[in-house]
């Protein structure tokens, strides 16, 4: 039975194990690998602490690499699953295909501006739309969700990842479905983004 006020959906946080030299490497080329690793580790920790306790949804962390699912670094009390093989689209589609029935929202682990209200807005949108996106300023997206009713849509074919076309390409696969966009946020991919996040951009 759902808790009072629940949105009866599953939030999935796609997260890489925070290992030095394996996360935020593009950012690391600008600000140093240790500093980039610290940013990612703290961003991931804050995100989980902020979103996982919310009773309005079930929170799951999708872990990469798969072998890291048993690492002691993950918080107690949060369900873990593996991302599996393939590119980002294949891994996200696998989550949409295999989780129990109900709406599913997927987010990345390194978007510092995500708040519970954004997740609530996404699940609310799935009450009357087939898909929801949180656009990113660079042409990608920081959130994608599917109602998964009456069927699970296949939405990632031909998507050009890590560039300005990811959102448009994904929406093209949804042209016969209803779509809702929530807030546009920025992710921290390079030194300029980091300075902006840190309030140091001039």
N, C-alpha and C. Protein backbone atom coordinates (compact mmCIF):
# COMPACT_ATOMS: atom_id res chain seq x y z
N UNK A 1 0.84 -1.19 0.00
CA UNK A 1 0.00 0.00 0.00
C UNK A 1 0.88 1.24 0.00
N UNK A 2 0.48 2.26 -0.76
CA UNK A 2 1.25 3.48 -0.84
C UNK A 2 1.11 4.31 0.42
N UNK A 3 2.17 5.00 0.77
CA UNK A 3 2.12 5.92 1.89
C UNK A 3 1.28 7.13 1.53
N UNK A 4 0.70 7.83 2.52
CA UNK A 4 -0.06 9.03 2.22
C UNK A 4 0.81 10.04 1.47
N UNK A 5 0.25 10.58 0.40
CA UNK A 5 0.98 11.58 -0.37
C UNK A 5 1.96 11.00 -1.37
N UNK A 6 2.04 9.66 -1.47
CA UNK A 6 2.98 9.06 -2.40
C UNK A 6 2.57 9.32 -3.84
N UNK A 7 3.57 9.41 -4.72
CA UNK A 7 3.32 9.53 -6.15
C UNK A 7 3.45 8.17 -6.83
N UNK A 8 3.68 7.14 -6.03
CA UNK A 8 3.64 5.75 -6.48
C UNK A 8 4.53 5.52 -7.70
N UNK A 9 5.72 6.03 -7.66
CA UNK A 9 6.66 5.82 -8.75
C UNK A 9 8.03 5.46 -8.21
N UNK A 10 8.94 5.13 -9.13
CA UNK A 10 10.30 4.78 -8.77
C UNK A 10 11.26 5.81 -9.34
N UNK A 11 12.08 6.37 -8.48
CA UNK A 11 13.16 7.27 -8.89
C UNK A 11 14.44 6.45 -8.98
N UNK A 12 15.10 6.51 -10.12
CA UNK A 12 16.35 5.78 -10.32
C UNK A 12 17.48 6.79 -10.51
N UNK A 13 18.48 6.72 -9.64
CA UNK A 13 19.66 7.57 -9.75
C UNK A 13 20.76 6.77 -10.45
N UNK A 14 21.14 7.19 -11.65
CA UNK A 14 22.24 6.55 -12.36
C UNK A 14 23.55 7.09 -11.79
N UNK A 15 24.36 6.20 -11.21
CA UNK A 15 25.56 6.65 -10.51
C UNK A 15 26.75 5.75 -10.81
N UNK A 16 27.87 6.37 -11.12
CA UNK A 16 29.13 5.64 -11.19
C UNK A 16 29.74 5.58 -9.79
N UNK A 17 30.38 4.48 -9.49
CA UNK A 17 31.11 4.40 -8.22
C UNK A 17 32.14 5.52 -8.20
N UNK A 18 32.18 6.32 -7.14
CA UNK A 18 33.08 7.48 -7.09
C UNK A 18 34.53 7.09 -6.88
N UNK A 19 35.16 6.63 -7.95
CA UNK A 19 36.55 6.19 -7.90
C UNK A 19 37.43 7.22 -8.60
N UNK A 20 38.52 7.55 -8.00
CA UNK A 20 39.43 8.57 -8.52
C UNK A 20 39.91 8.19 -9.91
N UNK A 21 39.77 9.14 -10.84
CA UNK A 21 40.20 8.91 -12.21
C UNK A 21 39.18 8.22 -13.08
N UNK A 22 38.03 7.81 -12.51
CA UNK A 22 37.00 7.11 -13.27
C UNK A 22 35.71 7.92 -13.41
N UNK A 23 35.62 9.03 -12.70
CA UNK A 23 34.41 9.87 -12.76
C UNK A 23 34.81 11.30 -13.10
N UNK A 24 33.93 11.99 -13.84
CA UNK A 24 34.11 13.40 -14.19
C UNK A 24 35.50 13.66 -14.78
N UNK A 25 35.93 12.79 -15.71
CA UNK A 25 37.26 12.93 -16.28
C UNK A 25 37.38 14.18 -17.15
N UNK A 26 36.30 14.55 -17.82
CA UNK A 26 36.33 15.78 -18.62
C UNK A 26 36.52 16.99 -17.71
N UNK A 27 35.78 17.02 -16.61
CA UNK A 27 35.96 18.08 -15.63
C UNK A 27 37.37 18.03 -15.04
N UNK A 28 37.87 16.84 -14.82
CA UNK A 28 39.19 16.68 -14.23
C UNK A 28 40.30 17.25 -15.09
N UNK A 29 40.10 17.24 -16.40
CA UNK A 29 41.13 17.81 -17.29
C UNK A 29 41.24 19.32 -17.09
N UNK A 30 40.16 19.94 -16.59
CA UNK A 30 40.17 21.39 -16.36
C UNK A 30 40.57 21.77 -14.94
N UNK A 31 40.12 21.00 -13.95
CA UNK A 31 40.34 21.42 -12.56
C UNK A 31 41.18 20.44 -11.76
N UNK A 32 41.61 19.36 -12.39
CA UNK A 32 42.38 18.34 -11.70
C UNK A 32 41.50 17.16 -11.30
N UNK A 33 42.04 15.96 -11.44
CA UNK A 33 41.26 14.76 -11.21
C UNK A 33 40.81 14.61 -9.76
N UNK A 34 41.66 14.99 -8.81
CA UNK A 34 41.28 14.86 -7.41
C UNK A 34 40.13 15.81 -7.08
N UNK A 35 40.23 17.04 -7.56
CA UNK A 35 39.16 18.01 -7.30
C UNK A 35 37.86 17.58 -7.96
N UNK A 36 37.93 17.05 -9.18
CA UNK A 36 36.72 16.57 -9.88
C UNK A 36 36.12 15.38 -9.15
N UNK A 37 36.97 14.48 -8.66
CA UNK A 37 36.48 13.33 -7.90
C UNK A 37 35.77 13.78 -6.63
N UNK A 38 36.36 14.75 -5.93
CA UNK A 38 35.72 15.26 -4.72
C UNK A 38 34.37 15.89 -5.02
N UNK A 39 34.30 16.65 -6.11
CA UNK A 39 33.02 17.25 -6.50
C UNK A 39 31.98 16.16 -6.73
N UNK A 40 32.33 15.14 -7.51
CA UNK A 40 31.36 14.09 -7.82
C UNK A 40 30.93 13.35 -6.57
N UNK A 41 31.88 12.99 -5.74
CA UNK A 41 31.56 12.24 -4.53
C UNK A 41 30.61 13.02 -3.63
N UNK A 42 30.88 14.30 -3.44
CA UNK A 42 30.02 15.11 -2.58
C UNK A 42 28.67 15.37 -3.23
N UNK A 43 28.66 15.60 -4.55
CA UNK A 43 27.39 15.82 -5.25
C UNK A 43 26.50 14.59 -5.15
N UNK A 44 27.09 13.41 -5.34
CA UNK A 44 26.33 12.17 -5.25
C UNK A 44 25.78 11.96 -3.84
N UNK A 45 26.61 12.19 -2.84
CA UNK A 45 26.18 12.01 -1.46
C UNK A 45 25.04 12.95 -1.11
N UNK A 46 25.17 14.22 -1.50
CA UNK A 46 24.11 15.18 -1.20
C UNK A 46 22.81 14.83 -1.91
N UNK A 47 22.94 14.39 -3.16
CA UNK A 47 21.75 14.04 -3.93
C UNK A 47 20.99 12.90 -3.28
N UNK A 48 21.71 11.86 -2.89
CA UNK A 48 21.06 10.70 -2.27
C UNK A 48 20.41 11.10 -0.95
N UNK A 49 21.11 11.88 -0.14
CA UNK A 49 20.57 12.31 1.14
C UNK A 49 19.33 13.18 0.96
N UNK A 50 19.30 13.94 -0.11
CA UNK A 50 18.20 14.87 -0.36
C UNK A 50 16.96 14.15 -0.89
N UNK A 51 17.16 13.13 -1.71
CA UNK A 51 16.03 12.53 -2.43
C UNK A 51 15.57 11.18 -1.90
N UNK A 52 16.51 10.35 -1.44
CA UNK A 52 16.16 8.98 -1.06
C UNK A 52 15.16 8.89 0.10
N UNK A 53 15.22 9.77 1.11
CA UNK A 53 14.27 9.62 2.21
C UNK A 53 12.85 10.05 1.89
N UNK A 54 12.63 10.67 0.75
CA UNK A 54 11.30 11.21 0.45
C UNK A 54 10.30 10.07 0.30
N UNK A 55 9.20 10.08 1.07
CA UNK A 55 8.26 8.96 1.04
C UNK A 55 7.35 8.95 -0.18
N UNK A 56 7.44 9.97 -1.02
CA UNK A 56 6.52 10.05 -2.17
C UNK A 56 6.94 9.13 -3.32
N UNK A 57 8.15 8.60 -3.26
CA UNK A 57 8.60 7.68 -4.30
C UNK A 57 9.59 6.69 -3.70
N UNK A 58 9.78 5.60 -4.41
CA UNK A 58 10.80 4.61 -4.08
C UNK A 58 12.08 5.01 -4.79
N UNK A 59 13.20 4.99 -4.10
CA UNK A 59 14.48 5.37 -4.70
C UNK A 59 15.36 4.15 -4.90
N UNK A 60 15.93 4.06 -6.10
CA UNK A 60 16.84 2.98 -6.47
C UNK A 60 18.09 3.63 -7.06
N UNK A 61 19.26 3.11 -6.72
CA UNK A 61 20.51 3.56 -7.33
C UNK A 61 20.94 2.50 -8.35
N UNK A 62 21.09 2.92 -9.61
CA UNK A 62 21.60 2.04 -10.66
C UNK A 62 23.10 2.27 -10.76
N UNK A 63 23.87 1.26 -10.43
CA UNK A 63 25.31 1.38 -10.20
C UNK A 63 26.11 0.95 -11.42
N UNK A 64 27.19 1.69 -11.69
CA UNK A 64 28.18 1.30 -12.68
C UNK A 64 29.58 1.52 -12.07
N UNK A 65 30.53 0.63 -12.37
CA UNK A 65 30.35 -0.64 -13.08
C UNK A 65 29.55 -1.62 -12.23
N UNK A 66 29.08 -2.67 -12.86
CA UNK A 66 28.24 -3.63 -12.15
C UNK A 66 28.95 -4.23 -10.94
N UNK A 67 30.28 -4.38 -11.03
CA UNK A 67 31.03 -4.98 -9.93
C UNK A 67 31.04 -4.10 -8.68
N UNK A 68 30.68 -2.83 -8.82
CA UNK A 68 30.70 -1.92 -7.68
C UNK A 68 29.44 -2.01 -6.83
N UNK A 69 28.48 -2.84 -7.24
CA UNK A 69 27.23 -2.89 -6.50
C UNK A 69 27.42 -3.40 -5.07
N UNK A 70 28.48 -4.15 -4.84
CA UNK A 70 28.74 -4.66 -3.50
C UNK A 70 29.68 -3.81 -2.68
N UNK A 71 30.10 -2.67 -3.22
CA UNK A 71 31.03 -1.80 -2.49
C UNK A 71 30.36 -1.23 -1.24
N UNK A 72 31.13 -1.03 -0.17
CA UNK A 72 30.55 -0.49 1.07
C UNK A 72 30.27 1.00 1.02
N UNK A 73 30.62 1.65 -0.08
CA UNK A 73 30.46 3.11 -0.17
C UNK A 73 29.01 3.54 -0.31
N UNK A 74 28.12 2.65 -0.72
CA UNK A 74 26.73 3.02 -0.96
C UNK A 74 25.97 3.12 0.36
N UNK A 75 25.00 4.01 0.46
CA UNK A 75 24.29 4.20 1.73
C UNK A 75 23.42 3.00 2.08
N UNK A 76 23.29 2.77 3.36
CA UNK A 76 22.40 1.71 3.82
C UNK A 76 20.95 2.10 3.58
N UNK A 77 20.13 1.12 3.31
CA UNK A 77 18.70 1.36 3.21
C UNK A 77 18.21 1.82 1.86
N UNK A 78 19.11 1.94 0.86
CA UNK A 78 18.71 2.32 -0.49
C UNK A 78 18.96 1.14 -1.41
N UNK A 79 17.94 0.76 -2.18
CA UNK A 79 18.06 -0.39 -3.06
C UNK A 79 19.06 -0.11 -4.18
N UNK A 80 19.88 -1.11 -4.50
CA UNK A 80 20.87 -1.01 -5.56
C UNK A 80 20.57 -2.00 -6.67
N UNK A 81 20.76 -1.55 -7.91
CA UNK A 81 20.68 -2.44 -9.06
C UNK A 81 21.90 -2.14 -9.95
N UNK A 82 22.21 -3.04 -10.86
CA UNK A 82 23.30 -2.80 -11.80
C UNK A 82 22.76 -2.17 -13.08
N UNK A 83 23.60 -1.38 -13.73
CA UNK A 83 23.19 -0.77 -15.00
C UNK A 83 23.29 -1.74 -16.16
N UNK A 84 24.23 -2.66 -16.11
CA UNK A 84 24.41 -3.60 -17.20
C UNK A 84 25.24 -3.00 -18.33
N UNK A 85 25.25 -3.69 -19.45
CA UNK A 85 26.11 -3.33 -20.57
C UNK A 85 25.41 -2.37 -21.53
N UNK A 86 26.23 -1.82 -22.44
CA UNK A 86 25.70 -0.99 -23.51
C UNK A 86 25.92 0.49 -23.26
N UNK A 87 25.51 1.30 -24.24
CA UNK A 87 25.64 2.74 -24.08
C UNK A 87 24.58 3.24 -23.11
N UNK A 88 24.58 4.54 -22.86
CA UNK A 88 23.66 5.09 -21.87
C UNK A 88 22.22 4.77 -22.20
N UNK A 89 21.86 4.88 -23.47
CA UNK A 89 20.48 4.59 -23.86
C UNK A 89 20.08 3.15 -23.59
N UNK A 90 20.97 2.21 -23.91
CA UNK A 90 20.68 0.80 -23.67
C UNK A 90 20.51 0.53 -22.19
N UNK A 91 21.34 1.17 -21.36
CA UNK A 91 21.25 0.94 -19.92
C UNK A 91 19.99 1.55 -19.32
N UNK A 92 19.61 2.75 -19.78
CA UNK A 92 18.38 3.35 -19.27
C UNK A 92 17.15 2.59 -19.77
N UNK A 93 17.18 2.14 -21.02
CA UNK A 93 16.04 1.39 -21.53
C UNK A 93 15.85 0.10 -20.74
N UNK A 94 16.96 -0.53 -20.37
CA UNK A 94 16.87 -1.76 -19.58
C UNK A 94 16.15 -1.50 -18.26
N UNK A 95 16.42 -0.37 -17.63
CA UNK A 95 15.74 -0.02 -16.39
C UNK A 95 14.25 0.16 -16.63
N UNK A 96 13.90 0.91 -17.67
CA UNK A 96 12.48 1.10 -17.97
C UNK A 96 11.79 -0.23 -18.28
N UNK A 97 12.51 -1.14 -18.93
CA UNK A 97 11.91 -2.42 -19.33
C UNK A 97 11.72 -3.39 -18.17
N UNK A 98 12.55 -3.29 -17.13
CA UNK A 98 12.60 -4.36 -16.14
C UNK A 98 12.04 -4.01 -14.77
N UNK A 99 11.91 -2.74 -14.44
CA UNK A 99 11.39 -2.41 -13.11
C UNK A 99 9.91 -2.78 -13.00
N UNK A 100 9.42 -3.00 -11.80
CA UNK A 100 8.00 -3.32 -11.62
C UNK A 100 7.11 -2.21 -12.17
N UNK A 101 5.82 -2.51 -12.41
CA UNK A 101 4.91 -1.54 -13.01
C UNK A 101 4.84 -0.23 -12.24
N UNK A 102 4.53 0.82 -12.99
CA UNK A 102 4.42 2.15 -12.41
C UNK A 102 5.37 3.12 -13.10
N UNK A 103 5.15 4.40 -12.94
CA UNK A 103 6.03 5.39 -13.58
C UNK A 103 7.45 5.31 -13.03
N UNK A 104 8.41 5.57 -13.92
CA UNK A 104 9.82 5.55 -13.55
C UNK A 104 10.47 6.84 -14.04
N UNK A 105 11.25 7.45 -13.17
CA UNK A 105 12.02 8.64 -13.49
C UNK A 105 13.49 8.34 -13.25
N UNK A 106 14.33 8.68 -14.23
CA UNK A 106 15.78 8.46 -14.13
C UNK A 106 16.48 9.82 -14.12
N UNK A 107 17.45 9.96 -13.22
CA UNK A 107 18.28 11.16 -13.17
C UNK A 107 19.74 10.77 -13.10
N UNK A 108 20.61 11.73 -13.45
CA UNK A 108 22.04 11.55 -13.27
C UNK A 108 22.44 11.92 -11.85
N UNK A 109 23.68 11.62 -11.52
CA UNK A 109 24.14 11.80 -10.14
C UNK A 109 24.91 13.09 -9.92
N UNK A 110 25.14 13.88 -10.96
CA UNK A 110 26.06 15.00 -10.85
C UNK A 110 25.42 16.34 -11.23
N UNK A 111 24.12 16.47 -10.99
CA UNK A 111 23.41 17.72 -11.26
C UNK A 111 23.12 18.38 -9.92
N UNK A 112 23.89 19.38 -9.53
CA UNK A 112 23.76 19.91 -8.16
C UNK A 112 22.45 20.62 -7.88
N UNK A 113 21.71 21.02 -8.92
CA UNK A 113 20.49 21.79 -8.68
C UNK A 113 19.24 20.96 -8.46
N UNK A 114 19.31 19.64 -8.51
CA UNK A 114 18.11 18.82 -8.36
C UNK A 114 17.59 18.90 -6.93
N UNK A 115 16.29 19.15 -6.82
CA UNK A 115 15.61 19.21 -5.53
C UNK A 115 14.39 18.29 -5.55
N UNK A 116 13.88 17.92 -4.38
CA UNK A 116 12.69 17.06 -4.36
C UNK A 116 11.51 17.60 -5.17
N UNK A 117 11.36 18.91 -5.21
CA UNK A 117 10.23 19.47 -5.97
C UNK A 117 10.33 19.15 -7.46
N UNK A 118 11.56 19.05 -7.99
CA UNK A 118 11.70 18.69 -9.39
C UNK A 118 11.23 17.26 -9.64
N UNK A 119 11.58 16.36 -8.73
CA UNK A 119 11.16 14.97 -8.88
C UNK A 119 9.64 14.86 -8.74
N UNK A 120 9.09 15.57 -7.79
CA UNK A 120 7.63 15.57 -7.61
C UNK A 120 6.94 16.10 -8.86
N UNK A 121 7.48 17.15 -9.46
CA UNK A 121 6.90 17.70 -10.69
C UNK A 121 6.94 16.68 -11.82
N UNK A 122 8.04 15.93 -11.90
CA UNK A 122 8.17 14.94 -12.96
C UNK A 122 7.13 13.83 -12.81
N UNK A 123 6.98 13.31 -11.60
CA UNK A 123 5.98 12.27 -11.39
C UNK A 123 4.56 12.80 -11.60
N UNK A 124 4.31 14.03 -11.19
CA UNK A 124 2.98 14.62 -11.42
C UNK A 124 2.69 14.72 -12.92
N UNK A 125 3.71 15.10 -13.71
CA UNK A 125 3.52 15.20 -15.15
C UNK A 125 3.18 13.86 -15.78
N UNK A 126 3.74 12.78 -15.22
CA UNK A 126 3.48 11.44 -15.77
C UNK A 126 2.07 10.96 -15.45
N UNK A 127 1.34 11.72 -14.63
CA UNK A 127 -0.05 11.38 -14.42
C UNK A 127 -0.90 11.60 -15.66
N UNK A 128 -0.43 12.49 -16.56
CA UNK A 128 -1.22 12.80 -17.76
C UNK A 128 -0.39 12.82 -19.04
N UNK A 129 0.89 12.47 -18.96
CA UNK A 129 1.76 12.45 -20.14
C UNK A 129 2.51 11.13 -20.21
N UNK A 130 2.91 10.77 -21.42
CA UNK A 130 3.65 9.51 -21.61
C UNK A 130 5.10 9.62 -21.17
N UNK A 131 5.68 10.82 -21.32
CA UNK A 131 7.10 11.00 -21.03
C UNK A 131 7.33 12.38 -20.44
N UNK A 132 8.38 12.49 -19.66
CA UNK A 132 8.77 13.78 -19.08
C UNK A 132 10.28 13.92 -19.19
N UNK A 133 10.73 15.17 -19.42
CA UNK A 133 12.15 15.46 -19.51
C UNK A 133 12.50 16.65 -18.64
N UNK A 134 13.71 16.61 -18.11
CA UNK A 134 14.33 17.78 -17.50
C UNK A 134 15.44 18.22 -18.42
N UNK A 135 15.21 19.20 -19.25
CA UNK A 135 16.24 19.61 -20.22
C UNK A 135 17.48 20.17 -19.53
N UNK A 136 18.61 19.97 -20.16
CA UNK A 136 19.86 20.59 -19.72
C UNK A 136 20.21 21.71 -20.68
N UNK A 137 20.99 22.65 -20.23
CA UNK A 137 21.31 23.82 -21.05
C UNK A 137 22.16 23.47 -22.26
N UNK A 138 22.83 22.32 -22.23
CA UNK A 138 23.73 21.96 -23.33
C UNK A 138 23.06 21.14 -24.42
N UNK A 139 21.73 21.00 -24.36
CA UNK A 139 21.02 20.23 -25.38
C UNK A 139 20.74 18.80 -24.99
N UNK A 140 21.23 18.40 -23.84
CA UNK A 140 20.91 17.07 -23.33
C UNK A 140 19.78 17.15 -22.33
N UNK A 141 19.75 16.21 -21.39
CA UNK A 141 18.73 16.26 -20.35
C UNK A 141 19.25 15.60 -19.10
N UNK A 142 18.78 16.13 -17.97
CA UNK A 142 19.22 15.61 -16.67
C UNK A 142 18.20 14.67 -16.07
N UNK A 143 17.02 14.60 -16.66
CA UNK A 143 15.95 13.73 -16.17
C UNK A 143 15.16 13.20 -17.36
N UNK A 144 14.79 11.95 -17.30
CA UNK A 144 13.86 11.36 -18.25
C UNK A 144 12.96 10.41 -17.49
N UNK A 145 11.68 10.47 -17.80
CA UNK A 145 10.72 9.60 -17.13
C UNK A 145 9.68 9.08 -18.09
N UNK A 146 9.17 7.90 -17.82
CA UNK A 146 8.11 7.30 -18.63
C UNK A 146 6.97 6.84 -17.74
N UNK A 147 5.76 7.05 -18.22
CA UNK A 147 4.59 6.55 -17.51
C UNK A 147 4.51 5.04 -17.56
N UNK A 148 4.98 4.46 -18.69
CA UNK A 148 5.02 3.00 -18.91
C UNK A 148 3.63 2.38 -18.88
N UNK A 149 2.67 3.13 -19.30
CA UNK A 149 1.31 2.61 -19.40
C UNK A 149 0.66 3.22 -20.64
N UNK A 150 0.13 2.42 -21.55
CA UNK A 150 -0.13 0.98 -21.44
C UNK A 150 1.05 0.09 -21.79
N UNK A 151 2.17 0.70 -22.27
CA UNK A 151 3.33 -0.11 -22.62
C UNK A 151 4.60 0.71 -22.36
N UNK A 152 5.72 0.00 -22.33
CA UNK A 152 7.00 0.67 -22.15
C UNK A 152 7.51 1.13 -23.52
N UNK A 153 7.70 2.42 -23.69
CA UNK A 153 8.15 2.96 -24.95
C UNK A 153 9.65 2.73 -25.13
N UNK A 154 10.06 2.52 -26.38
CA UNK A 154 11.47 2.36 -26.73
C UNK A 154 11.94 3.70 -27.29
N UNK A 155 12.73 4.44 -26.54
CA UNK A 155 12.91 5.86 -26.86
C UNK A 155 14.34 6.29 -27.17
N UNK A 156 15.31 5.38 -27.15
CA UNK A 156 16.69 5.81 -27.25
C UNK A 156 17.40 5.42 -28.55
N UNK A 157 16.68 4.90 -29.52
CA UNK A 157 17.32 4.49 -30.78
C UNK A 157 17.90 5.71 -31.50
N UNK A 158 19.17 5.60 -31.88
CA UNK A 158 19.79 6.64 -32.69
C UNK A 158 20.12 7.94 -31.96
N UNK A 159 20.07 7.93 -30.64
CA UNK A 159 20.36 9.16 -29.88
C UNK A 159 21.86 9.43 -29.89
N UNK A 160 22.23 10.69 -30.21
CA UNK A 160 23.63 11.11 -30.19
C UNK A 160 23.93 11.66 -28.79
N UNK A 161 24.64 10.84 -28.01
CA UNK A 161 24.90 11.20 -26.62
C UNK A 161 26.07 12.17 -26.52
N UNK A 162 26.15 12.84 -25.36
CA UNK A 162 27.26 13.75 -25.04
C UNK A 162 27.41 14.87 -26.06
N UNK A 163 26.30 15.38 -26.51
CA UNK A 163 26.33 16.49 -27.46
C UNK A 163 25.04 17.27 -27.40
N UNK A 164 24.89 18.24 -28.30
CA UNK A 164 23.72 19.13 -28.26
C UNK A 164 22.44 18.54 -28.82
N UNK A 165 22.48 17.28 -29.28
CA UNK A 165 21.32 16.71 -29.96
C UNK A 165 20.58 15.66 -29.15
N UNK A 166 21.05 15.33 -27.95
CA UNK A 166 20.50 14.19 -27.22
C UNK A 166 19.01 14.36 -26.93
N UNK A 167 18.60 15.53 -26.48
CA UNK A 167 17.18 15.73 -26.16
C UNK A 167 16.33 15.68 -27.41
N UNK A 168 16.75 16.38 -28.45
CA UNK A 168 15.98 16.39 -29.69
C UNK A 168 15.87 15.00 -30.30
N UNK A 169 16.97 14.25 -30.28
CA UNK A 169 16.96 12.90 -30.83
C UNK A 169 15.99 12.00 -30.06
N UNK A 170 16.00 12.12 -28.73
CA UNK A 170 15.11 11.28 -27.93
C UNK A 170 13.66 11.66 -28.16
N UNK A 171 13.37 12.93 -28.21
CA UNK A 171 12.00 13.37 -28.45
C UNK A 171 11.51 12.94 -29.83
N UNK A 172 12.42 12.84 -30.78
CA UNK A 172 12.02 12.40 -32.11
C UNK A 172 11.45 10.98 -32.06
N UNK A 173 11.96 10.18 -31.15
CA UNK A 173 11.44 8.81 -31.00
C UNK A 173 10.08 8.79 -30.29
N UNK A 174 9.65 9.94 -29.81
CA UNK A 174 8.40 10.04 -29.05
C UNK A 174 7.37 10.91 -29.76
N UNK A 175 7.49 11.06 -31.07
CA UNK A 175 6.67 12.04 -31.77
C UNK A 175 5.18 11.73 -31.73
N UNK A 176 4.81 10.49 -31.44
CA UNK A 176 3.40 10.14 -31.34
C UNK A 176 2.93 10.04 -29.89
N UNK A 177 3.75 10.52 -28.97
CA UNK A 177 3.43 10.44 -27.55
C UNK A 177 3.35 11.84 -26.96
N UNK A 178 2.70 11.95 -25.82
CA UNK A 178 2.60 13.24 -25.14
C UNK A 178 3.82 13.43 -24.23
N UNK A 179 4.42 14.63 -24.29
CA UNK A 179 5.67 14.92 -23.59
C UNK A 179 5.50 16.18 -22.77
N UNK A 180 6.13 16.19 -21.59
CA UNK A 180 6.13 17.37 -20.74
C UNK A 180 7.56 17.67 -20.31
N UNK A 181 7.95 18.94 -20.39
CA UNK A 181 9.27 19.37 -19.93
C UNK A 181 9.14 20.09 -18.60
N UNK A 182 10.01 19.73 -17.65
CA UNK A 182 10.07 20.47 -16.40
C UNK A 182 11.28 21.41 -16.47
N UNK A 183 11.80 21.83 -15.34
CA UNK A 183 12.82 22.87 -15.29
C UNK A 183 14.09 22.50 -16.05
N UNK A 184 14.68 23.50 -16.69
CA UNK A 184 16.00 23.35 -17.30
C UNK A 184 17.06 23.61 -16.23
N UNK A 185 17.99 22.66 -16.09
CA UNK A 185 19.09 22.79 -15.15
C UNK A 185 20.42 22.64 -15.90
N UNK A 186 21.52 22.95 -15.24
CA UNK A 186 22.82 22.76 -15.89
C UNK A 186 23.61 21.71 -15.13
N UNK A 187 24.42 20.98 -15.90
CA UNK A 187 25.29 20.00 -15.27
C UNK A 187 26.72 20.52 -15.28
N UNK A 188 27.55 19.94 -14.45
CA UNK A 188 28.92 20.40 -14.28
C UNK A 188 29.84 19.46 -15.04
N UNK A 189 30.17 19.86 -16.27
CA UNK A 189 30.98 19.01 -17.14
C UNK A 189 32.40 19.51 -17.33
N UNK A 190 32.63 20.81 -17.12
CA UNK A 190 33.95 21.37 -17.40
C UNK A 190 34.27 22.47 -16.39
N UNK A 191 35.43 23.07 -16.55
CA UNK A 191 35.86 24.08 -15.59
C UNK A 191 34.94 25.28 -15.54
N UNK A 192 34.43 25.71 -16.67
CA UNK A 192 33.51 26.84 -16.70
C UNK A 192 32.26 26.53 -15.89
N UNK A 193 31.71 25.31 -16.09
CA UNK A 193 30.54 24.90 -15.32
C UNK A 193 30.86 24.88 -13.82
N UNK A 194 32.04 24.39 -13.49
CA UNK A 194 32.42 24.29 -12.08
C UNK A 194 32.53 25.67 -11.44
N UNK A 195 33.10 26.63 -12.15
CA UNK A 195 33.20 27.98 -11.63
C UNK A 195 31.82 28.60 -11.44
N UNK A 196 30.94 28.29 -12.36
CA UNK A 196 29.55 28.78 -12.23
C UNK A 196 28.89 28.18 -11.00
N UNK A 197 29.06 26.88 -10.85
CA UNK A 197 28.49 26.20 -9.69
C UNK A 197 29.06 26.75 -8.38
N UNK A 198 30.35 27.06 -8.39
CA UNK A 198 31.01 27.53 -7.20
C UNK A 198 30.79 29.02 -6.93
N UNK A 199 30.09 29.71 -7.86
CA UNK A 199 29.85 31.12 -7.71
C UNK A 199 31.06 31.98 -8.00
N UNK A 200 31.99 31.42 -8.81
CA UNK A 200 33.22 32.15 -9.08
C UNK A 200 33.34 32.63 -10.51
N UNK A 201 32.30 32.36 -11.30
CA UNK A 201 32.37 32.77 -12.71
C UNK A 201 32.28 34.29 -12.80
N UNK A 202 33.12 34.88 -13.63
CA UNK A 202 33.11 36.33 -13.82
C UNK A 202 32.44 36.70 -15.12
